[in-house]
Amino acid sequence: MAENLKSDSGVLAKASQTVDTHRAEQNAIGQRVQAAAAESQSGWQGQGAAAVAQVVQQYGEDNRRIDQALAKLSDSLKSTDQAFQSTEAESAAGAQRVGANGGGYHNLPA
């Protein structure tokens, strides 16, 4: 059982790193989109300019929500990984105590 937890713990840490990588990539894409939109903004006038500005603003808000969701997911994975590691250590210590106290009981080695 401890080996399963150890394996899962590593999987969670790697998943958190993957989420962090995708979050950084998403932010880079968002910055490029914002820069391109700002650069092209001067070419728009009237209702077209207002519509483009609204779309760019909505994109920025959506991008921030995605960033927040990815940050929350990464933090949750990290917290769960830490909980797994703590539980694994507690279980191992408990098993050692049981083993140490079981000497002589039904011919168990001390």
PDB file of N, CA and C in Angstrom:
ATOM      1  N   MET A   1       0.818  -1.193   0.000  1.00  0.00           N
ATOM      2  CA  MET A   1       0.000   0.000   0.000  1.00  0.00           C
ATOM      3  C   MET A   1       0.859   1.252   0.000  1.00  0.00           C
ATOM      4  N   ALA A   2       1.916   1.279   0.797  1.00  0.00           N
ATOM      5  CA  ALA A   2       2.785   2.454   0.847  1.00  0.00           C
ATOM      6  C   ALA A   2       3.409   2.714  -0.518  1.00  0.00           C
ATOM      7  N   GLU A   3       3.734   1.658  -1.249  1.00  0.00           N
ATOM      8  CA  GLU A   3       4.308   1.846  -2.582  1.00  0.00           C
ATOM      9  C   GLU A   3       3.297   2.494  -3.524  1.00  0.00           C
ATOM     10  N   ASN A   4       2.013   2.123  -3.405  1.00  0.00           N
ATOM     11  CA  ASN A   4       0.981   2.743  -4.227  1.00  0.00           C
ATOM     12  C   ASN A   4       0.874   4.227  -3.930  1.00  0.00           C
ATOM     13  N   LEU A   5       0.904   4.578  -2.655  1.00  0.00           N
ATOM     14  CA  LEU A   5       0.828   5.987  -2.285  1.00  0.00           C
ATOM     15  C   LEU A   5       2.045   6.745  -2.793  1.00  0.00           C
ATOM     16  N   LYS A   6       3.191   6.125  -2.681  1.00  0.00           N
ATOM     17  CA  LYS A   6       4.421   6.759  -3.158  1.00  0.00           C
ATOM     18  C   LYS A   6       4.311   7.017  -4.662  1.00  0.00           C
ATOM     19  N   SER A   7       3.818   6.053  -5.381  1.00  0.00           N
ATOM     20  CA  SER A   7       3.640   6.198  -6.824  1.00  0.00           C
ATOM     21  C   SER A   7       2.643   7.310  -7.127  1.00  0.00           C
ATOM     22  N   ASP A   8       1.509   7.310  -6.431  1.00  0.00           N
ATOM     23  CA  ASP A   8       0.499   8.338  -6.656  1.00  0.00           C
ATOM     24  C   ASP A   8       1.039   9.721  -6.310  1.00  0.00           C
ATOM     25  N   SER A   9       1.842   9.787  -5.267  1.00  0.00           N
ATOM     26  CA  SER A   9       2.416  11.059  -4.872  1.00  0.00           C
ATOM     27  C   SER A   9       3.264  11.629  -6.004  1.00  0.00           C
ATOM     28  N   GLY A  10       4.077  10.817  -6.622  1.00  0.00           N
ATOM     29  CA  GLY A  10       4.892  11.273  -7.739  1.00  0.00           C
ATOM     30  C   GLY A  10       4.052  11.699  -8.931  1.00  0.00           C
ATOM     31  N   VAL A  11       2.972  10.992  -9.161  1.00  0.00           N
ATOM     32  CA  VAL A  11       2.072  11.323 -10.262  1.00  0.00           C
ATOM     33  C   VAL A  11       1.437  12.688 -10.018  1.00  0.00           C
ATOM     34  N   LEU A  12       1.036  12.944  -8.791  1.00  0.00           N
ATOM     35  CA  LEU A  12       0.415  14.231  -8.470  1.00  0.00           C
ATOM     36  C   LEU A  12       1.401  15.385  -8.619  1.00  0.00           C
ATOM     37  N   ALA A  13       2.623  15.178  -8.188  1.00  0.00           N
ATOM     38  CA  ALA A  13       3.642  16.225  -8.320  1.00  0.00           C
ATOM     39  C   ALA A  13       3.902  16.521  -9.798  1.00  0.00           C
ATOM     40  N   LYS A  14       3.979  15.468 -10.603  1.00  0.00           N
ATOM     41  CA  LYS A  14       4.204  15.658 -12.040  1.00  0.00           C
ATOM     42  C   LYS A  14       3.001  16.344 -12.683  1.00  0.00           C
ATOM     43  N   ALA A  15       1.804  15.972 -12.276  1.00  0.00           N
ATOM     44  CA  ALA A  15       0.596  16.604 -12.814  1.00  0.00           C
ATOM     45  C   ALA A  15       0.578  18.093 -12.487  1.00  0.00           C
ATOM     46  N   SER A  16       0.970  18.438 -11.280  1.00  0.00           N
ATOM     47  CA  SER A  16       1.033  19.844 -10.882  1.00  0.00           C
ATOM     48  C   SER A  16       2.029  20.607 -11.749  1.00  0.00           C
ATOM     49  N   GLN A  17       3.170  19.996 -12.013  1.00  0.00           N
ATOM     50  CA  GLN A  17       4.171  20.638 -12.878  1.00  0.00           C
ATOM     51  C   GLN A  17       3.635  20.815 -14.300  1.00  0.00           C
ATOM     52  N   THR A  18       2.904  19.822 -14.783  1.00  0.00           N
ATOM     53  CA  THR A  18       2.315  19.912 -16.120  1.00  0.00           C
ATOM     54  C   THR A  18       1.306  21.048 -16.185  1.00  0.00           C
ATOM     55  N   VAL A  19       0.467  21.161 -15.161  1.00  0.00           N
ATOM     56  CA  VAL A  19      -0.512  22.248 -15.112  1.00  0.00           C
ATOM     57  C   VAL A  19       0.207  23.596 -15.080  1.00  0.00           C
ATOM     58  N   ASP A  20       1.269  23.700 -14.291  1.00  0.00           N
ATOM     59  CA  ASP A  20       2.031  24.950 -14.225  1.00  0.00           C
ATOM     60  C   ASP A  20       2.624  25.309 -15.586  1.00  0.00           C
ATOM     61  N   THR A  21       3.116  24.302 -16.304  1.00  0.00           N
ATOM     62  CA  THR A  21       3.674  24.537 -17.638  1.00  0.00           C
ATOM     63  C   THR A  21       2.598  25.035 -18.595  1.00  0.00           C
ATOM     64  N   HIS A  22       1.437  24.382 -18.579  1.00  0.00           N
ATOM     65  CA  HIS A  22       0.337  24.799 -19.456  1.00  0.00           C
ATOM     66  C   HIS A  22      -0.170  26.185 -19.071  1.00  0.00           C
ATOM     67  N   ARG A  23      -0.160  26.474 -17.793  1.00  0.00           N
ATOM     68  CA  ARG A  23      -0.582  27.804 -17.335  1.00  0.00           C
ATOM     69  C   ARG A  23       0.364  28.872 -17.885  1.00  0.00           C
ATOM     70  N   ALA A  24       1.658  28.621 -17.824  1.00  0.00           N
ATOM     71  CA  ALA A  24       2.639  29.574 -18.353  1.00  0.00           C
ATOM     72  C   ALA A  24       2.457  29.754 -19.866  1.00  0.00           C
ATOM     73  N   GLU A  25       2.208  28.644 -20.567  1.00  0.00           N
ATOM     74  CA  GLU A  25       1.979  28.723 -22.013  1.00  0.00           C
ATOM     75  C   GLU A  25       0.711  29.512 -22.319  1.00  0.00           C
ATOM     76  N   GLN A  26      -0.337  29.273 -21.545  1.00  0.00           N
ATOM     77  CA  GLN A  26      -1.599  29.993 -21.730  1.00  0.00           C
ATOM     78  C   GLN A  26      -1.388  31.489 -21.509  1.00  0.00           C
ATOM     79  N   ASN A  27      -0.628  31.844 -20.494  1.00  0.00           N
ATOM     80  CA  ASN A  27      -0.358  33.255 -20.223  1.00  0.00           C
ATOM     81  C   ASN A  27       0.442  33.894 -21.353  1.00  0.00           C
ATOM     82  N   ALA A  28       1.406  33.162 -21.906  1.00  0.00           N
ATOM     83  CA  ALA A  28       2.198  33.684 -23.023  1.00  0.00           C
ATOM     84  C   ALA A  28       1.313  33.924 -24.246  1.00  0.00           C
ATOM     85  N   ILE A  29       0.413  32.999 -24.511  1.00  0.00           N
ATOM     86  CA  ILE A  29      -0.523  33.168 -25.625  1.00  0.00           C
ATOM     87  C   ILE A  29      -1.395  34.394 -25.379  1.00  0.00           C
ATOM     88  N   GLY A  30      -1.894  34.528 -24.168  1.00  0.00           N
ATOM     89  CA  GLY A  30      -2.732  35.677 -23.821  1.00  0.00           C
ATOM     90  C   GLY A  30      -2.011  36.995 -24.018  1.00  0.00           C
ATOM     91  N   GLN A  31      -0.756  37.041 -23.640  1.00  0.00           N
ATOM     92  CA  GLN A  31       0.025  38.267 -23.820  1.00  0.00           C
ATOM     93  C   GLN A  31       0.221  38.588 -25.301  1.00  0.00           C
ATOM     94  N   ARG A  32       0.466  37.551 -26.111  1.00  0.00           N
ATOM     95  CA  ARG A  32       0.628  37.776 -27.553  1.00  0.00           C
ATOM     96  C   ARG A  32      -0.677  38.266 -28.182  1.00  0.00           C
ATOM     97  N   VAL A  33      -1.791  37.688 -27.759  1.00  0.00           N
ATOM     98  CA  VAL A  33      -3.090  38.120 -28.287  1.00  0.00           C
ATOM     99  C   VAL A  33      -3.356  39.565 -27.891  1.00  0.00           C
ATOM    100  N   GLN A  34      -3.102  39.902 -26.628  1.00  0.00           N
ATOM    101  CA  GLN A  34      -3.329  41.276 -26.165  1.00  0.00           C
ATOM    102  C   GLN A  34      -2.433  42.257 -26.928  1.00  0.00           C
ATOM    103  N   ALA A  35      -1.185  41.887 -27.148  1.00  0.00           N
ATOM    104  CA  ALA A  35      -0.259  42.760 -27.882  1.00  0.00           C
ATOM    105  C   ALA A  35      -0.716  42.951 -29.329  1.00  0.00           C
ATOM    106  N   ALA A  36      -1.135  41.866 -29.974  1.00  0.00           N
ATOM    107  CA  ALA A  36      -1.607  41.955 -31.357  1.00  0.00           C
ATOM    108  C   ALA A  36      -2.876  42.795 -31.437  1.00  0.00           C
ATOM    109  N   ALA A  37      -3.759  42.638 -30.476  1.00  0.00           N
ATOM    110  CA  ALA A  37      -4.999  43.413 -30.463  1.00  0.00           C
ATOM    111  C   ALA A  37      -4.703  44.893 -30.262  1.00  0.00           C
ATOM    112  N   ALA A  38      -3.790  45.197 -29.357  1.00  0.00           N
ATOM    113  CA  ALA A  38      -3.431  46.596 -29.108  1.00  0.00           C
ATOM    114  C   ALA A  38      -2.796  47.215 -30.352  1.00  0.00           C
ATOM    115  N   GLU A  39      -1.983  46.427 -31.036  1.00  0.00           N
ATOM    116  CA  GLU A  39      -1.313  46.912 -32.244  1.00  0.00           C
ATOM    117  C   GLU A  39      -2.310  47.204 -33.361  1.00  0.00           C
ATOM    118  N   SER A  40      -3.322  46.378 -33.484  1.00  0.00           N
ATOM    119  CA  SER A  40      -4.296  46.555 -34.567  1.00  0.00           C
ATOM    120  C   SER A  40      -5.441  47.492 -34.188  1.00  0.00           C
ATOM    121  N   GLN A  41      -5.542  47.865 -32.936  1.00  0.00           N
ATOM    122  CA  GLN A  41      -6.655  48.688 -32.445  1.00  0.00           C
ATOM    123  C   GLN A  41      -6.761  50.006 -33.214  1.00  0.00           C
ATOM    124  N   SER A  42      -5.638  50.604 -33.554  1.00  0.00           N
ATOM    125  CA  SER A  42      -5.676  51.905 -34.229  1.00  0.00           C
ATOM    126  C   SER A  42      -6.287  51.812 -35.625  1.00  0.00           C
ATOM    127  N   GLY A  43      -6.317  50.635 -36.205  1.00  0.00           N
ATOM    128  CA  GLY A  43      -6.890  50.458 -37.534  1.00  0.00           C
ATOM    129  C   GLY A  43      -8.407  50.382 -37.539  1.00  0.00           C
ATOM    130  N   TRP A  44      -9.014  50.304 -36.389  1.00  0.00           N
ATOM    131  CA  TRP A  44     -10.464  50.187 -36.288  1.00  0.00           C
ATOM    132  C   TRP A  44     -11.061  51.532 -35.884  1.00  0.00           C
ATOM    133  N   GLN A  45     -12.257  51.797 -36.426  1.00  0.00           N
ATOM    134  CA  GLN A  45     -12.958  53.037 -36.073  1.00  0.00           C
ATOM    135  C   GLN A  45     -14.441  52.745 -35.917  1.00  0.00           C
ATOM    136  N   GLY A  46     -15.117  53.601 -35.194  1.00  0.00           N
ATOM    137  CA  GLY A  46     -16.564  53.505 -35.051  1.00  0.00           C
ATOM    138  C   GLY A  46     -17.012  52.248 -34.324  1.00  0.00           C
ATOM    139  N   GLN A  47     -18.115  51.669 -34.847  1.00  0.00           N
ATOM    140  CA  GLN A  47     -18.686  50.483 -34.212  1.00  0.00           C
ATOM    141  C   GLN A  47     -17.731  49.296 -34.271  1.00  0.00           C
ATOM    142  N   GLY A  48     -16.970  49.210 -35.336  1.00  0.00           N
ATOM    143  CA  GLY A  48     -15.985  48.125 -35.450  1.00  0.00           C
ATOM    144  C   GLY A  48     -14.961  48.203 -34.336  1.00  0.00           C
ATOM    145  N   ALA A  49     -14.494  49.414 -34.044  1.00  0.00           N
ATOM    146  CA  ALA A  49     -13.513  49.600 -32.967  1.00  0.00           C
ATOM    147  C   ALA A  49     -14.114  49.216 -31.624  1.00  0.00           C
ATOM    148  N   ALA A  50     -15.374  49.598 -31.410  1.00  0.00           N
ATOM    149  CA  ALA A  50     -16.041  49.264 -30.146  1.00  0.00           C
ATOM    150  C   ALA A  50     -16.223  47.753 -30.020  1.00  0.00           C
ATOM    151  N   ALA A  51     -16.596  47.113 -31.125  1.00  0.00           N
ATOM    152  CA  ALA A  51     -16.801  45.658 -31.095  1.00  0.00           C
ATOM    153  C   ALA A  51     -15.487  44.930 -30.835  1.00  0.00           C
ATOM    154  N   VAL A  52     -14.422  45.368 -31.501  1.00  0.00           N
ATOM    155  CA  VAL A  52     -13.118  44.738 -31.295  1.00  0.00           C
ATOM    156  C   VAL A  52     -12.665  44.946 -29.855  1.00  0.00           C
ATOM    157  N   ALA A  53     -12.835  46.150 -29.340  1.00  0.00           N
ATOM    158  CA  ALA A  53     -12.440  46.436 -27.955  1.00  0.00           C
ATOM    159  C   ALA A  53     -13.205  45.548 -26.982  1.00  0.00           C
ATOM    160  N   GLN A  54     -14.494  45.331 -27.248  1.00  0.00           N
ATOM    161  CA  GLN A  54     -15.306  44.483 -26.376  1.00  0.00           C
ATOM    162  C   GLN A  54     -14.826  43.032 -26.428  1.00  0.00           C
ATOM    163  N   VAL A  55     -14.521  42.545 -27.617  1.00  0.00           N
ATOM    164  CA  VAL A  55     -14.041  41.168 -27.761  1.00  0.00           C
ATOM    165  C   VAL A  55     -12.697  40.997 -27.061  1.00  0.00           C
ATOM    166  N   VAL A  56     -11.810  41.966 -27.226  1.00  0.00           N
ATOM    167  CA  VAL A  56     -10.493  41.895 -26.591  1.00  0.00           C
ATOM    168  C   VAL A  56     -10.644  41.921 -25.070  1.00  0.00           C
ATOM    169  N   GLN A  57     -11.537  42.768 -24.576  1.00  0.00           N
ATOM    170  CA  GLN A  57     -11.774  42.826 -23.129  1.00  0.00           C
ATOM    171  C   GLN A  57     -12.328  41.496 -22.623  1.00  0.00           C
ATOM    172  N   GLN A  58     -13.290  40.924 -23.335  1.00  0.00           N
ATOM    173  CA  GLN A  58     -13.872  39.636 -22.933  1.00  0.00           C
ATOM    174  C   GLN A  58     -12.813  38.541 -22.961  1.00  0.00           C
ATOM    175  N   TYR A  59     -11.968  38.563 -23.985  1.00  0.00           N
ATOM    176  CA  TYR A  59     -10.884  37.581 -24.067  1.00  0.00           C
ATOM    177  C   TYR A  59      -9.976  37.703 -22.843  1.00  0.00           C
ATOM    178  N   GLY A  60      -9.623  38.933 -22.483  1.00  0.00           N
ATOM    179  CA  GLY A  60      -8.766  39.150 -21.315  1.00  0.00           C
ATOM    180  C   GLY A  60      -9.394  38.611 -20.042  1.00  0.00           C
ATOM    181  N   GLU A  61     -10.693  38.854 -19.869  1.00  0.00           N
ATOM    182  CA  GLU A  61     -11.396  38.354 -18.682  1.00  0.00           C
ATOM    183  C   GLU A  61     -11.438  36.828 -18.678  1.00  0.00           C
ATOM    184  N   ASP A  62     -11.737  36.250 -19.830  1.00  0.00           N
ATOM    185  CA  ASP A  62     -11.771  34.784 -19.926  1.00  0.00           C
ATOM    186  C   ASP A  62     -10.390  34.191 -19.663  1.00  0.00           C
ATOM    187  N   ASN A  63      -9.363  34.833 -20.186  1.00  0.00           N
ATOM    188  CA  ASN A  63      -7.999  34.358 -19.985  1.00  0.00           C
ATOM    189  C   ASN A  63      -7.625  34.410 -18.502  1.00  0.00           C
ATOM    190  N   ARG A  64      -8.052  35.455 -17.804  1.00  0.00           N
ATOM    191  CA  ARG A  64      -7.785  35.547 -16.357  1.00  0.00           C
ATOM    192  C   ARG A  64      -8.505  34.429 -15.597  1.00  0.00           C
ATOM    193  N   ARG A  65      -9.731  34.120 -16.009  1.00  0.00           N
ATOM    194  CA  ARG A  65     -10.468  33.031 -15.347  1.00  0.00           C
ATOM    195  C   ARG A  65      -9.784  31.684 -15.581  1.00  0.00           C
ATOM    196  N   ILE A  66      -9.303  31.476 -16.790  1.00  0.00           N
ATOM    197  CA  ILE A  66      -8.571  30.236 -17.084  1.00  0.00           C
ATOM    198  C   ILE A  66      -7.317  30.169 -16.226  1.00  0.00           C
ATOM    199  N   ASP A  67      -6.592  31.279 -16.135  1.00  0.00           N
ATOM    200  CA  ASP A  67      -5.379  31.328 -15.319  1.00  0.00           C
ATOM    201  C   ASP A  67      -5.696  31.001 -13.862  1.00  0.00           C
ATOM    202  N   GLN A  68      -6.759  31.584 -13.342  1.00  0.00           N
ATOM    203  CA  GLN A  68      -7.151  31.320 -11.949  1.00  0.00           C
ATOM    204  C   GLN A  68      -7.525  29.854 -11.749  1.00  0.00           C
ATOM    205  N   ALA A  69      -8.242  29.284 -12.708  1.00  0.00           N
ATOM    206  CA  ALA A  69      -8.638  27.872 -12.596  1.00  0.00           C
ATOM    207  C   ALA A  69      -7.413  26.961 -12.634  1.00  0.00           C
ATOM    208  N   LEU A  70      -6.465  27.257 -13.513  1.00  0.00           N
ATOM    209  CA  LEU A  70      -5.250  26.444 -13.580  1.00  0.00           C
ATOM    210  C   LEU A  70      -4.415  26.593 -12.313  1.00  0.00           C
ATOM    211  N   ALA A  71      -4.356  27.805 -11.775  1.00  0.00           N
ATOM    212  CA  ALA A  71      -3.617  28.021 -10.522  1.00  0.00           C
ATOM    213  C   ALA A  71      -4.264  27.235  -9.385  1.00  0.00           C
ATOM    214  N   LYS A  72      -5.583  27.259  -9.331  1.00  0.00           N
ATOM    215  CA  LYS A  72      -6.302  26.527  -8.279  1.00  0.00           C
ATOM    216  C   LYS A  72      -6.085  25.018  -8.428  1.00  0.00           C
ATOM    217  N   LEU A  73      -6.132  24.524  -9.658  1.00  0.00           N
ATOM    218  CA  LEU A  73      -5.897  23.098  -9.904  1.00  0.00           C
ATOM    219  C   LEU A  73      -4.489  22.704  -9.473  1.00  0.00           C
ATOM    220  N   SER A  74      -3.508  23.503  -9.854  1.00  0.00           N
ATOM    221  CA  SER A  74      -2.120  23.213  -9.479  1.00  0.00           C
ATOM    222  C   SER A  74      -1.953  23.211  -7.964  1.00  0.00           C
ATOM    223  N   ASP A  75      -2.519  24.215  -7.305  1.00  0.00           N
ATOM    224  CA  ASP A  75      -2.426  24.279  -5.841  1.00  0.00           C
ATOM    225  C   ASP A  75      -3.090  23.067  -5.189  1.00  0.00           C
ATOM    226  N   SER A  76      -4.233  22.650  -5.722  1.00  0.00           N
ATOM    227  CA  SER A  76      -4.931  21.483  -5.177  1.00  0.00           C
ATOM    228  C   SER A  76      -4.112  20.211  -5.365  1.00  0.00           C
ATOM    229  N   LEU A  77      -3.495  20.069  -6.518  1.00  0.00           N
ATOM    230  CA  LEU A  77      -2.641  18.900  -6.751  1.00  0.00           C
ATOM    231  C   LEU A  77      -1.456  18.893  -5.793  1.00  0.00           C
ATOM    232  N   LYS A  78      -0.862  20.053  -5.573  1.00  0.00           N
ATOM    233  CA  LYS A  78       0.272  20.149  -4.643  1.00  0.00           C
ATOM    234  C   LYS A  78      -0.166  19.809  -3.221  1.00  0.00           C
ATOM    235  N   SER A  79      -1.325  20.318  -2.804  1.00  0.00           N
ATOM    236  CA  SER A  79      -1.834  20.023  -1.460  1.00  0.00           C
ATOM    237  C   SER A  79      -2.119  18.538  -1.289  1.00  0.00           C
ATOM    238  N   THR A  80      -2.727  17.939  -2.300  1.00  0.00           N
ATOM    239  CA  THR A  80      -3.025  16.513  -2.237  1.00  0.00           C
ATOM    240  C   THR A  80      -1.737  15.703  -2.198  1.00  0.00           C
ATOM    241  N   ASP A  81      -0.737  16.122  -2.967  1.00  0.00           N
ATOM    242  CA  ASP A  81       0.558  15.443  -2.957  1.00  0.00           C
ATOM    243  C   ASP A  81       1.174  15.505  -1.566  1.00  0.00           C
ATOM    244  N   GLN A  82       1.124  16.662  -0.934  1.00  0.00           N
ATOM    245  CA  GLN A  82       1.670  16.802   0.419  1.00  0.00           C
ATOM    246  C   GLN A  82       0.907  15.924   1.408  1.00  0.00           C
ATOM    247  N   ALA A  83      -0.414  15.854   1.252  1.00  0.00           N
ATOM    248  CA  ALA A  83      -1.219  15.005   2.134  1.00  0.00           C
ATOM    249  C   ALA A  83      -0.853  13.535   1.941  1.00  0.00           C
ATOM    250  N   PHE A  84      -0.655  13.105   0.699  1.00  0.00           N
ATOM    251  CA  PHE A  84      -0.228  11.729   0.432  1.00  0.00           C
ATOM    252  C   PHE A  84       1.103  11.434   1.102  1.00  0.00           C
ATOM    253  N   GLN A  85       2.050  12.356   0.957  1.00  0.00           N
ATOM    254  CA  GLN A  85       3.369  12.149   1.552  1.00  0.00           C
ATOM    255  C   GLN A  85       3.275  12.055   3.070  1.00  0.00           C
ATOM    256  N   SER A  86       2.467  12.907   3.672  1.00  0.00           N
ATOM    257  CA  SER A  86       2.294  12.889   5.123  1.00  0.00           C
ATOM    258  C   SER A  86       1.641  11.587   5.577  1.00  0.00           C
ATOM    259  N   THR A  87       0.597  11.172   4.862  1.00  0.00           N
ATOM    260  CA  THR A  87      -0.096   9.926   5.198  1.00  0.00           C
ATOM    261  C   THR A  87       0.833   8.734   5.041  1.00  0.00           C
ATOM    262  N   GLU A  88       1.647   8.756   3.999  1.00  0.00           N
ATOM    263  CA  GLU A  88       2.595   7.664   3.771  1.00  0.00           C
ATOM    264  C   GLU A  88       3.581   7.568   4.931  1.00  0.00           C
ATOM    265  N   ALA A  89       4.097   8.698   5.368  1.00  0.00           N
ATOM    266  CA  ALA A  89       5.061   8.702   6.478  1.00  0.00           C
ATOM    267  C   ALA A  89       4.405   8.219   7.770  1.00  0.00           C
ATOM    268  N   GLU A  90       3.176   8.671   8.019  1.00  0.00           N
ATOM    269  CA  GLU A  90       2.457   8.243   9.224  1.00  0.00           C
ATOM    270  C   GLU A  90       2.162   6.747   9.180  1.00  0.00           C
ATOM    271  N   SER A  91       1.769   6.244   8.019  1.00  0.00           N
ATOM    272  CA  SER A  91       1.474   4.812   7.888  1.00  0.00           C
ATOM    273  C   SER A  91       2.722   3.971   8.101  1.00  0.00           C
ATOM    274  N   ALA A  92       3.833   4.414   7.546  1.00  0.00           N
ATOM    275  CA  ALA A  92       5.087   3.676   7.714  1.00  0.00           C
ATOM    276  C   ALA A  92       5.506   3.659   9.178  1.00  0.00           C
ATOM    277  N   ALA A  93       5.377   4.798   9.847  1.00  0.00           N
ATOM    278  CA  ALA A  93       5.739   4.862  11.268  1.00  0.00           C
ATOM    279  C   ALA A  93       4.818   3.968  12.094  1.00  0.00           C
ATOM    280  N   GLY A  94       3.527   3.970  11.771  1.00  0.00           N
ATOM    281  CA  GLY A  94       2.580   3.117  12.486  1.00  0.00           C
ATOM    282  C   GLY A  94       2.873   1.649  12.276  1.00  0.00           C
ATOM    283  N   ALA A  95       3.218   1.274  11.054  1.00  0.00           N
ATOM    284  CA  ALA A  95       3.546  -0.123  10.765  1.00  0.00           C
ATOM    285  C   ALA A  95       4.796  -0.553  11.522  1.00  0.00           C
ATOM    286  N   GLN A  96       5.759   0.332  11.633  1.00  0.00           N
ATOM    287  CA  GLN A  96       6.973   0.009  12.384  1.00  0.00           C
ATOM    288  C   GLN A  96       6.661  -0.175  13.868  1.00  0.00           C
ATOM    289  N   ARG A  97       5.783   0.675  14.403  1.00  0.00           N
ATOM    290  CA  ARG A  97       5.403   0.537  15.819  1.00  0.00           C
ATOM    291  C   ARG A  97       4.682  -0.784  16.054  1.00  0.00           C
ATOM    292  N   VAL A  98       3.765  -1.131  15.157  1.00  0.00           N
ATOM    293  CA  VAL A  98       3.032  -2.390  15.294  1.00  0.00           C
ATOM    294  C   VAL A  98       4.003  -3.556  15.209  1.00  0.00           C
ATOM    295  N   GLY A  99       4.920  -3.499  14.262  1.00  0.00           N
ATOM    296  CA  GLY A  99       5.908  -4.568  14.123  1.00  0.00           C
ATOM    297  C   GLY A  99       6.791  -4.690  15.345  1.00  0.00           C
ATOM    298  N   ALA A 100       7.190  -3.571  15.905  1.00  0.00           N
ATOM    299  CA  ALA A 100       8.056  -3.595  17.088  1.00  0.00           C
ATOM    300  C   ALA A 100       7.316  -4.124  18.305  1.00  0.00           C
ATOM    301  N   ASN A 101       6.036  -3.856  18.387  1.00  0.00           N
ATOM    302  CA  ASN A 101       5.245  -4.295  19.536  1.00  0.00           C
ATOM    303  C   ASN A 101       4.693  -5.704  19.370  1.00  0.00           C
ATOM    304  N   GLY A 102       4.838  -6.283  18.185  1.00  0.00           N
ATOM    305  CA  GLY A 102       4.254  -7.599  17.932  1.00  0.00           C
ATOM    306  C   GLY A 102       5.190  -8.748  18.234  1.00  0.00           C
ATOM    307  N   GLY A 103       6.384  -8.478  18.728  1.00  0.00           N
ATOM    308  CA  GLY A 103       7.356  -9.529  19.000  1.00  0.00           C
ATOM    309  C   GLY A 103       6.817 -10.564  19.973  1.00  0.00           C
ATOM    310  N   GLY A 104       6.890 -11.805  19.589  1.00  0.00           N
ATOM    311  CA  GLY A 104       6.455 -12.883  20.460  1.00  0.00           C
ATOM    312  C   GLY A 104       4.980 -13.210  20.347  1.00  0.00           C
ATOM    313  N   TYR A 105       4.194 -12.406  19.746  1.00  0.00           N
ATOM    314  CA  TYR A 105       2.766 -12.649  19.614  1.00  0.00           C
ATOM    315  C   TYR A 105       2.554 -13.598  18.451  1.00  0.00           C
ATOM    316  N   HIS A 106       2.004 -14.759  18.729  1.00  0.00           N
ATOM    317  CA  HIS A 106       1.766 -15.802  17.727  1.00  0.00           C
ATOM    318  C   HIS A 106       3.031 -16.079  16.917  1.00  0.00           C
ATOM    319  N   ASN A 107       4.132 -16.129  17.611  1.00  0.00           N
ATOM    320  CA  ASN A 107       5.431 -16.456  17.016  1.00  0.00           C
ATOM    321  C   ASN A 107       5.916 -15.436  15.979  1.00  0.00           C
ATOM    322  N   LEU A 108       5.454 -14.184  16.101  1.00  0.00           N
ATOM    323  CA  LEU A 108       5.961 -13.136  15.220  1.00  0.00           C
ATOM    324  C   LEU A 108       7.349 -12.738  15.682  1.00  0.00           C
ATOM    325  N   PRO A 109       8.244 -12.486  14.754  1.00  0.00           N
ATOM    326  CA  PRO A 109       9.586 -12.059  15.163  1.00  0.00           C
ATOM    327  C   PRO A 109       9.534 -10.672  15.795  1.00  0.00           C
ATOM    328  N   ALA A 110      10.425 -10.451  16.727  1.00  0.00           N
ATOM    329  CA  ALA A 110      10.470  -9.156  17.410  1.00  0.00           C
ATOM    330  C   ALA A 110      11.105  -8.116  16.536  1.00  0.00           C
TER     331      ALA A 110
END
